[in-house]
Structure formats: C-alpha cells, structure tokens
Protein backbone atom coordinates (compact mmCIF):
# COMPACT_ATOMS: atom_id res chain seq x y z
CA MET A 1 -8.12 -46.42 25.30
CA VAL A 2 -5.56 -46.26 22.42
CA GLU A 3 -6.81 -44.75 19.01
CA ARG A 4 -6.24 -47.04 16.32
CA LYS A 5 -5.22 -45.87 12.80
CA LYS A 6 -6.93 -47.09 9.56
CA ARG A 7 -4.46 -48.18 7.33
CA ARG A 8 -4.98 -49.10 3.54
CA PHE A 9 -2.36 -50.60 1.11
CA VAL A 10 -1.95 -48.78 -2.05
CA ALA A 11 -2.20 -51.35 -4.90
CA GLY A 12 0.60 -51.22 -7.35
CA ALA A 13 2.83 -48.38 -5.44
CA LYS A 14 6.37 -48.71 -5.64
CA CYS A 15 8.48 -47.65 -2.48
CA PRO A 16 10.87 -44.84 -3.74
CA THR A 17 13.54 -46.14 -1.35
CA CYS A 18 13.51 -50.20 -1.85
CA ASN A 19 11.78 -50.21 -5.16
CA GLU A 20 9.44 -52.95 -3.84
CA ILE A 21 5.76 -53.11 -5.02
CA ASP A 22 2.62 -53.26 -3.14
CA VAL A 23 4.39 -52.61 0.25
CA ILE A 24 3.00 -49.01 0.78
CA GLN A 25 0.28 -48.29 3.35
CA LEU A 26 -1.61 -45.07 3.48
CA PHE A 27 -2.96 -43.64 6.94
CA GLN A 28 -3.68 -40.31 8.75
CA VAL A 29 -2.07 -39.06 11.84
CA ASN A 30 -3.58 -35.95 13.00
CA GLY A 31 -5.28 -34.90 9.58
CA VAL A 32 -1.93 -35.56 7.83
CA GLU A 33 -1.82 -38.36 5.21
CA THR A 34 1.40 -40.38 5.79
CA ILE A 35 2.64 -43.17 3.58
CA GLU A 36 4.75 -46.03 5.00
CA CYS A 37 6.64 -48.86 3.53
CA VAL A 38 6.28 -52.06 5.36
CA SER A 39 9.42 -53.42 3.78
CA CYS A 40 11.93 -50.85 4.39
CA GLY A 41 10.21 -48.47 6.86
CA TYR A 42 10.27 -45.44 4.71
CA THR A 43 7.84 -42.80 5.42
CA GLN A 44 6.63 -39.59 3.86
CA ALA A 45 4.02 -37.33 5.07
CA GLN A 46 1.75 -34.63 3.16
CA ALA A 47 -0.16 -32.05 4.88
CA GLU A 48 -3.79 -31.47 3.77
CA GLY A 49 -2.87 -27.94 2.50
CA GLU A 50 -0.37 -29.43 -0.05
CA VAL A 51 -2.91 -31.83 -1.29
CA ASN A 52 -5.17 -28.77 -2.29
CA THR A 53 -2.29 -26.90 -4.13
CA ALA A 54 -1.69 -30.21 -6.17
CA THR A 55 -4.55 -29.62 -8.35
CA ARG A 56 -3.98 -27.39 -11.64
CA ASP A 57 -5.91 -24.47 -12.35
CA PHE A 58 -8.12 -26.09 -15.24
CA GLU A 59 -8.71 -29.08 -13.21
CA GLN A 60 -11.59 -29.47 -10.87
CA MET A 61 -11.75 -31.54 -7.75
CA ILE A 62 -14.85 -33.80 -7.66
CA GLY A 63 -14.40 -34.48 -3.92
CA VAL A 64 -12.06 -35.43 -1.09
CA PHE A 65 -12.61 -38.79 0.67
CA LYS A 66 -12.38 -38.75 4.38
CA GLN A 67 -11.49 -41.83 6.54
CA ASP A 68 -13.97 -42.66 9.19
C-alpha cells in the first residue's frame, strides 16, 4: 500500500522562482516540511530542527501543529 501525503495550499504565498501567487503547496516527507510550486516545480525543504531555531529568544511558541 502506498502512503499518500496530505498536501495543503498556502493562501497568498508567492513562489520565489516564478512569482505566481497561490501555487505553493505544503506537505511533509519523513518528518520534513516541504513546499512545492505546482506551476514551475520549485521545491524547498526545512527540517524540524530549523523550525525550532527560527523562534527568537523573546518570543514563545504556543504550539506546533502536526498533520494527522
């Protein structure tokens, strides 16, 4: 059986390569968040460790939402 990835579109997001709006989808591959442009195929991945370091010292993280 093939595991299907849940993909969500990011409203208002602009692709850094083709500059199209509302074409970015977000999904996880092996615990790594990945974005992909459905227009030009651009992809970018961010490991969970990088997400944690993106919070500044004076900010507090309320919670991390996990996909089911």
